[in-house]
């Protein structure tokens, strides 16, 4: 599970916008209305990552998990989740 920690306060909306900009248009970023600190990044219905935001006093951490069942989750952990974490790091470093 990749984690991305950035200084300061970053909202889920800001992170979603960064991912829309940094990832190519094959990825779909979907907010979760039931939980404003979580969202999903989908490449397909079986290939996706979930992102959870934790805000602390001086920084914000994004926990990125590959989604799916058993073997699919493992592939997504090393594929989609890694791509999402890299995009967050790249986009939030600016």
Foldseek 3Di string as FASTA:
>chain_A
DDKDKDWDDDFPVNLLVLLPVQDDPLWDKAADPVDRQKIKIDNDPLAIKIWGWDDDDTIIMIDIFTDHDDPSRVVNRVPVSVVSNVSSNVRRVD
